[in-house]
Amino acid sequence: HCLPGRRCRHTMLLSRTRTAAALVAGLAWVAVAAAGASADGVCDVTAAPYSARGDGATVNTAALQRALDDAQRCRAVLVPAGTYLTGALNITRPVVLNVTRDAVVQAVDDEA
């Protein structure tokens, strides 16, 4: 686990020019979901208002994009264990994406 305030190998600083599709293409796994900022400033993608589901069946493009768009409110965006299907994502500002060891972000065709 990555503890608040500490960097670990599962923490990545993504530039504003990266897209989720490019990120997923370069990684065997990626993790974390987003939600409202917790007391420690971490946005969990599985929490409200994002409510992403890491069940390997639900397409989470809209939920993950909302979490990334809200990233300025958070110290980091957390993707917990699970398999998160997503289409292309636009990262418009630098964001720390905290990916857990047992999380997978899998690219799918999603025009919605």
N, C-alpha and C. Protein backbone atom coordinates (compact mmCIF):
# COMPACT_ATOMS: atom_id res chain seq x y z
N HIS A 1 0.82 -1.19 0.00
CA HIS A 1 0.00 0.00 0.00
C HIS A 1 0.87 1.26 0.00
N CYS A 2 0.38 2.29 -0.63
CA CYS A 2 1.03 3.58 -0.60
C CYS A 2 0.41 4.39 0.52
N LEU A 3 1.22 4.86 1.41
CA LEU A 3 0.72 5.64 2.53
C LEU A 3 0.66 7.11 2.14
N PRO A 4 -0.31 7.86 2.68
CA PRO A 4 -0.41 9.28 2.37
C PRO A 4 0.92 9.99 2.65
N GLY A 5 1.31 10.86 1.74
CA GLY A 5 2.54 11.61 1.92
C GLY A 5 3.79 10.87 1.50
N ARG A 6 3.66 9.61 1.05
CA ARG A 6 4.81 8.83 0.62
C ARG A 6 4.64 8.42 -0.83
N ARG A 7 5.72 8.42 -1.57
CA ARG A 7 5.68 7.98 -2.95
C ARG A 7 5.95 6.48 -2.98
N CYS A 8 5.34 5.80 -3.92
CA CYS A 8 5.62 4.39 -4.08
C CYS A 8 5.61 4.06 -5.56
N ARG A 9 5.96 2.85 -5.91
CA ARG A 9 6.08 2.50 -7.32
C ARG A 9 4.73 2.46 -8.03
N HIS A 10 3.64 2.52 -7.30
CA HIS A 10 2.31 2.50 -7.90
C HIS A 10 1.73 3.91 -8.06
N THR A 11 2.55 4.92 -7.79
CA THR A 11 2.08 6.30 -7.91
C THR A 11 2.72 6.90 -9.15
N MET A 12 1.89 7.51 -9.97
CA MET A 12 2.40 8.09 -11.21
C MET A 12 1.93 9.53 -11.32
N LEU A 13 2.82 10.39 -11.79
CA LEU A 13 2.43 11.76 -12.10
C LEU A 13 2.20 11.81 -13.59
N LEU A 14 0.97 12.07 -13.98
CA LEU A 14 0.61 12.07 -15.39
C LEU A 14 0.55 13.50 -15.91
N SER A 15 1.14 13.72 -17.05
CA SER A 15 1.09 15.06 -17.62
C SER A 15 -0.25 15.31 -18.28
N ARG A 16 -0.55 16.56 -18.55
CA ARG A 16 -1.84 16.91 -19.12
C ARG A 16 -2.01 16.40 -20.53
N THR A 17 -0.96 15.97 -21.19
CA THR A 17 -1.08 15.52 -22.57
C THR A 17 -1.35 14.03 -22.70
N ARG A 18 -1.30 13.32 -21.60
CA ARG A 18 -1.54 11.88 -21.64
C ARG A 18 -3.02 11.58 -21.75
N THR A 19 -3.36 10.49 -22.39
CA THR A 19 -4.75 10.02 -22.41
C THR A 19 -4.79 8.66 -21.76
N ALA A 20 -5.95 8.26 -21.33
CA ALA A 20 -6.08 6.96 -20.69
C ALA A 20 -5.72 5.85 -21.66
N ALA A 21 -6.09 6.00 -22.91
CA ALA A 21 -5.78 4.96 -23.89
C ALA A 21 -4.28 4.76 -24.00
N ALA A 22 -3.52 5.86 -24.04
CA ALA A 22 -2.07 5.76 -24.12
C ALA A 22 -1.51 5.17 -22.84
N LEU A 23 -2.08 5.55 -21.72
CA LEU A 23 -1.63 5.02 -20.44
C LEU A 23 -1.85 3.52 -20.36
N VAL A 24 -3.05 3.09 -20.71
CA VAL A 24 -3.38 1.67 -20.65
C VAL A 24 -2.52 0.87 -21.61
N ALA A 25 -2.27 1.42 -22.80
CA ALA A 25 -1.46 0.73 -23.78
C ALA A 25 -0.05 0.47 -23.26
N GLY A 26 0.45 1.36 -22.40
CA GLY A 26 1.80 1.22 -21.90
C GLY A 26 1.94 0.44 -20.62
N LEU A 27 0.84 0.01 -20.04
CA LEU A 27 0.90 -0.68 -18.76
C LEU A 27 0.15 -2.00 -18.80
N ALA A 28 0.63 -2.97 -18.07
CA ALA A 28 -0.07 -4.24 -17.96
C ALA A 28 -1.24 -4.12 -16.99
N TRP A 29 -1.13 -3.21 -16.05
CA TRP A 29 -2.21 -2.99 -15.10
C TRP A 29 -2.22 -1.54 -14.66
N VAL A 30 -3.35 -1.09 -14.27
CA VAL A 30 -3.51 0.24 -13.70
C VAL A 30 -4.68 0.14 -12.73
N ALA A 31 -4.68 0.96 -11.71
CA ALA A 31 -5.78 0.84 -10.78
C ALA A 31 -6.22 2.13 -10.18
N VAL A 32 -7.35 2.07 -9.49
CA VAL A 32 -7.95 3.08 -8.66
C VAL A 32 -9.21 3.68 -9.24
N ALA A 33 -10.09 4.06 -8.35
CA ALA A 33 -11.34 4.67 -8.75
C ALA A 33 -11.47 6.00 -8.06
N ALA A 34 -12.42 6.83 -8.45
CA ALA A 34 -12.46 8.16 -7.88
C ALA A 34 -13.77 8.52 -7.24
N ALA A 35 -13.70 9.38 -6.27
CA ALA A 35 -14.89 9.87 -5.60
C ALA A 35 -14.56 11.19 -4.99
N GLY A 36 -15.46 11.70 -4.17
CA GLY A 36 -15.21 12.95 -3.50
C GLY A 36 -13.95 12.85 -2.66
N ALA A 37 -13.29 13.98 -2.45
CA ALA A 37 -12.06 13.97 -1.68
C ALA A 37 -12.34 13.53 -0.24
N SER A 38 -11.53 12.60 0.24
CA SER A 38 -11.66 12.15 1.62
C SER A 38 -10.94 13.13 2.54
N ALA A 39 -10.97 12.87 3.82
CA ALA A 39 -10.32 13.76 4.78
C ALA A 39 -8.83 13.89 4.50
N ASP A 40 -8.21 12.84 3.93
CA ASP A 40 -6.78 12.91 3.63
C ASP A 40 -6.51 13.44 2.22
N GLY A 41 -7.55 13.91 1.53
CA GLY A 41 -7.37 14.54 0.23
C GLY A 41 -7.28 13.59 -0.94
N VAL A 42 -7.66 12.33 -0.76
CA VAL A 42 -7.60 11.34 -1.83
C VAL A 42 -9.00 11.13 -2.40
N CYS A 43 -9.11 11.20 -3.73
CA CYS A 43 -10.37 10.92 -4.40
C CYS A 43 -10.40 9.45 -4.82
N ASP A 44 -11.30 8.70 -4.26
CA ASP A 44 -11.46 7.28 -4.57
C ASP A 44 -12.52 7.16 -5.67
N VAL A 45 -12.16 6.58 -6.81
CA VAL A 45 -13.08 6.53 -7.93
C VAL A 45 -14.30 5.65 -7.66
N THR A 46 -14.23 4.80 -6.67
CA THR A 46 -15.37 3.94 -6.37
C THR A 46 -16.38 4.60 -5.44
N ALA A 47 -16.00 5.73 -4.85
CA ALA A 47 -16.88 6.44 -3.93
C ALA A 47 -17.74 7.45 -4.68
N ALA A 48 -18.80 7.90 -4.02
CA ALA A 48 -19.65 8.94 -4.61
C ALA A 48 -18.82 10.23 -4.70
N PRO A 49 -18.97 11.03 -5.68
CA PRO A 49 -20.00 11.00 -6.71
C PRO A 49 -19.61 10.21 -7.96
N TYR A 50 -18.44 9.57 -7.98
CA TYR A 50 -17.96 8.88 -9.19
C TYR A 50 -18.54 7.49 -9.33
N SER A 51 -18.48 6.71 -8.30
CA SER A 51 -19.11 5.38 -8.23
C SER A 51 -18.68 4.43 -9.34
N ALA A 52 -17.40 4.43 -9.67
CA ALA A 52 -16.89 3.47 -10.65
C ALA A 52 -16.98 2.06 -10.07
N ARG A 53 -17.17 1.08 -10.94
CA ARG A 53 -17.29 -0.31 -10.50
C ARG A 53 -16.19 -1.12 -11.14
N GLY A 54 -15.36 -1.73 -10.32
CA GLY A 54 -14.25 -2.54 -10.80
C GLY A 54 -14.64 -3.99 -10.96
N ASP A 55 -15.78 -4.24 -11.62
CA ASP A 55 -16.30 -5.60 -11.75
C ASP A 55 -15.91 -6.29 -13.05
N GLY A 56 -15.17 -5.60 -13.92
CA GLY A 56 -14.75 -6.20 -15.18
C GLY A 56 -15.85 -6.26 -16.23
N ALA A 57 -17.04 -5.72 -15.93
CA ALA A 57 -18.15 -5.74 -16.88
C ALA A 57 -18.68 -4.34 -17.16
N THR A 58 -18.65 -3.46 -16.16
CA THR A 58 -19.19 -2.11 -16.29
C THR A 58 -18.17 -1.21 -16.98
N VAL A 59 -18.62 -0.44 -17.98
CA VAL A 59 -17.76 0.55 -18.63
C VAL A 59 -17.80 1.82 -17.78
N ASN A 60 -16.64 2.23 -17.28
CA ASN A 60 -16.52 3.31 -16.30
C ASN A 60 -15.97 4.61 -16.87
N THR A 61 -16.04 4.83 -18.16
CA THR A 61 -15.43 6.01 -18.77
C THR A 61 -15.91 7.30 -18.12
N ALA A 62 -17.22 7.48 -18.01
CA ALA A 62 -17.76 8.73 -17.46
C ALA A 62 -17.32 8.93 -16.00
N ALA A 63 -17.37 7.90 -15.20
CA ALA A 63 -16.99 8.01 -13.79
C ALA A 63 -15.51 8.36 -13.64
N LEU A 64 -14.66 7.68 -14.39
CA LEU A 64 -13.22 7.95 -14.30
C LEU A 64 -12.90 9.35 -14.82
N GLN A 65 -13.57 9.78 -15.90
CA GLN A 65 -13.32 11.12 -16.43
C GLN A 65 -13.74 12.19 -15.43
N ARG A 66 -14.87 12.00 -14.76
CA ARG A 66 -15.31 12.96 -13.73
C ARG A 66 -14.27 13.06 -12.61
N ALA A 67 -13.73 11.92 -12.19
CA ALA A 67 -12.72 11.93 -11.13
C ALA A 67 -11.46 12.67 -11.59
N LEU A 68 -11.02 12.43 -12.81
CA LEU A 68 -9.85 13.13 -13.33
C LEU A 68 -10.12 14.63 -13.47
N ASP A 69 -11.32 14.99 -13.90
CA ASP A 69 -11.69 16.40 -14.03
C ASP A 69 -11.71 17.10 -12.68
N ASP A 70 -12.06 16.38 -11.63
CA ASP A 70 -12.13 16.94 -10.28
C ASP A 70 -10.81 16.84 -9.52
N ALA A 71 -9.77 16.38 -10.18
CA ALA A 71 -8.51 16.08 -9.51
C ALA A 71 -7.89 17.27 -8.79
N GLN A 72 -8.20 18.50 -9.22
CA GLN A 72 -7.62 19.67 -8.54
C GLN A 72 -8.10 19.76 -7.09
N ARG A 73 -9.22 19.12 -6.77
CA ARG A 73 -9.73 19.12 -5.38
C ARG A 73 -9.01 18.09 -4.53
N CYS A 74 -8.30 17.19 -5.15
CA CYS A 74 -7.70 16.05 -4.45
C CYS A 74 -6.18 16.10 -4.53
N ARG A 75 -5.55 15.52 -3.56
CA ARG A 75 -4.11 15.34 -3.58
C ARG A 75 -3.74 14.23 -4.55
N ALA A 76 -4.65 13.23 -4.69
CA ALA A 76 -4.41 12.09 -5.57
C ALA A 76 -5.74 11.44 -5.92
N VAL A 77 -5.76 10.77 -7.06
CA VAL A 77 -6.92 9.97 -7.47
C VAL A 77 -6.56 8.51 -7.24
N LEU A 78 -7.39 7.81 -6.51
CA LEU A 78 -7.12 6.43 -6.13
C LEU A 78 -7.97 5.46 -6.94
N VAL A 79 -7.32 4.44 -7.49
CA VAL A 79 -8.02 3.34 -8.18
C VAL A 79 -7.75 2.09 -7.36
N PRO A 80 -8.77 1.60 -6.62
CA PRO A 80 -8.57 0.42 -5.78
C PRO A 80 -8.64 -0.88 -6.59
N ALA A 81 -8.45 -2.00 -5.92
CA ALA A 81 -8.46 -3.31 -6.57
C ALA A 81 -9.74 -3.51 -7.38
N GLY A 82 -9.59 -4.13 -8.53
CA GLY A 82 -10.71 -4.41 -9.41
C GLY A 82 -10.27 -4.25 -10.85
N THR A 83 -11.17 -4.56 -11.77
CA THR A 83 -10.91 -4.37 -13.20
C THR A 83 -11.88 -3.32 -13.71
N TYR A 84 -11.34 -2.20 -14.18
CA TYR A 84 -12.12 -1.05 -14.61
C TYR A 84 -12.02 -0.92 -16.13
N LEU A 85 -13.15 -1.10 -16.81
CA LEU A 85 -13.20 -0.93 -18.25
C LEU A 85 -13.42 0.54 -18.54
N THR A 86 -12.69 1.08 -19.54
CA THR A 86 -12.83 2.49 -19.88
C THR A 86 -12.47 2.75 -21.33
N GLY A 87 -13.13 3.75 -21.89
CA GLY A 87 -12.74 4.28 -23.19
C GLY A 87 -11.65 5.31 -22.97
N ALA A 88 -11.37 6.11 -24.00
CA ALA A 88 -10.34 7.14 -23.91
C ALA A 88 -10.71 8.17 -22.85
N LEU A 89 -9.69 8.60 -22.10
CA LEU A 89 -9.86 9.62 -21.07
C LEU A 89 -8.97 10.81 -21.41
N ASN A 90 -9.43 12.01 -21.10
CA ASN A 90 -8.64 13.22 -21.32
C ASN A 90 -8.14 13.73 -19.98
N ILE A 91 -6.82 13.82 -19.85
CA ILE A 91 -6.21 14.34 -18.64
C ILE A 91 -5.79 15.77 -18.96
N THR A 92 -6.48 16.74 -18.38
CA THR A 92 -6.29 18.14 -18.74
C THR A 92 -5.33 18.90 -17.84
N ARG A 93 -4.89 18.28 -16.76
CA ARG A 93 -3.94 18.92 -15.85
C ARG A 93 -3.15 17.82 -15.16
N PRO A 94 -1.98 18.17 -14.60
CA PRO A 94 -1.21 17.15 -13.89
C PRO A 94 -2.04 16.54 -12.76
N VAL A 95 -1.93 15.23 -12.60
CA VAL A 95 -2.69 14.53 -11.56
C VAL A 95 -1.85 13.35 -11.06
N VAL A 96 -1.91 13.11 -9.77
CA VAL A 96 -1.28 11.92 -9.21
C VAL A 96 -2.32 10.81 -9.24
N LEU A 97 -2.02 9.75 -9.97
CA LEU A 97 -2.92 8.60 -10.09
C LEU A 97 -2.33 7.48 -9.26
N ASN A 98 -2.99 7.15 -8.17
CA ASN A 98 -2.53 6.11 -7.26
C ASN A 98 -3.19 4.79 -7.66
N VAL A 99 -2.41 3.88 -8.19
CA VAL A 99 -2.92 2.62 -8.71
C VAL A 99 -2.54 1.49 -7.75
N THR A 100 -3.54 0.78 -7.26
CA THR A 100 -3.22 -0.30 -6.34
C THR A 100 -2.70 -1.52 -7.10
N ARG A 101 -2.04 -2.37 -6.40
CA ARG A 101 -1.40 -3.54 -6.99
C ARG A 101 -2.40 -4.47 -7.68
N ASP A 102 -3.59 -4.60 -7.15
CA ASP A 102 -4.59 -5.53 -7.69
C ASP A 102 -5.63 -4.85 -8.57
N ALA A 103 -5.30 -3.69 -9.12
CA ALA A 103 -6.23 -2.95 -9.98
C ALA A 103 -5.79 -3.04 -11.44
N VAL A 104 -6.77 -3.10 -12.32
CA VAL A 104 -6.51 -3.13 -13.76
C VAL A 104 -7.44 -2.11 -14.41
N VAL A 105 -6.88 -1.27 -15.29
CA VAL A 105 -7.68 -0.37 -16.11
C VAL A 105 -7.53 -0.88 -17.53
N GLN A 106 -8.63 -1.33 -18.08
CA GLN A 106 -8.61 -2.00 -19.39
C GLN A 106 -9.32 -1.13 -20.42
N ALA A 107 -8.64 -0.87 -21.54
CA ALA A 107 -9.21 -0.06 -22.61
C ALA A 107 -10.26 -0.85 -23.38
N VAL A 108 -11.39 -0.18 -23.67
CA VAL A 108 -12.45 -0.75 -24.49
C VAL A 108 -12.93 0.33 -25.45
N ASP A 109 -13.59 -0.07 -26.53
CA ASP A 109 -14.22 0.89 -27.43
C ASP A 109 -15.45 1.42 -26.73
N ASP A 110 -15.47 2.73 -26.46
CA ASP A 110 -16.60 3.36 -25.78
C ASP A 110 -16.78 4.74 -26.37
N GLU A 111 -17.73 4.87 -27.25
CA GLU A 111 -17.99 6.16 -27.91
C GLU A 111 -18.91 7.04 -27.09
N ALA A 112 -19.46 6.54 -25.99
CA ALA A 112 -20.42 7.31 -25.19
C ALA A 112 -19.77 8.41 -24.43
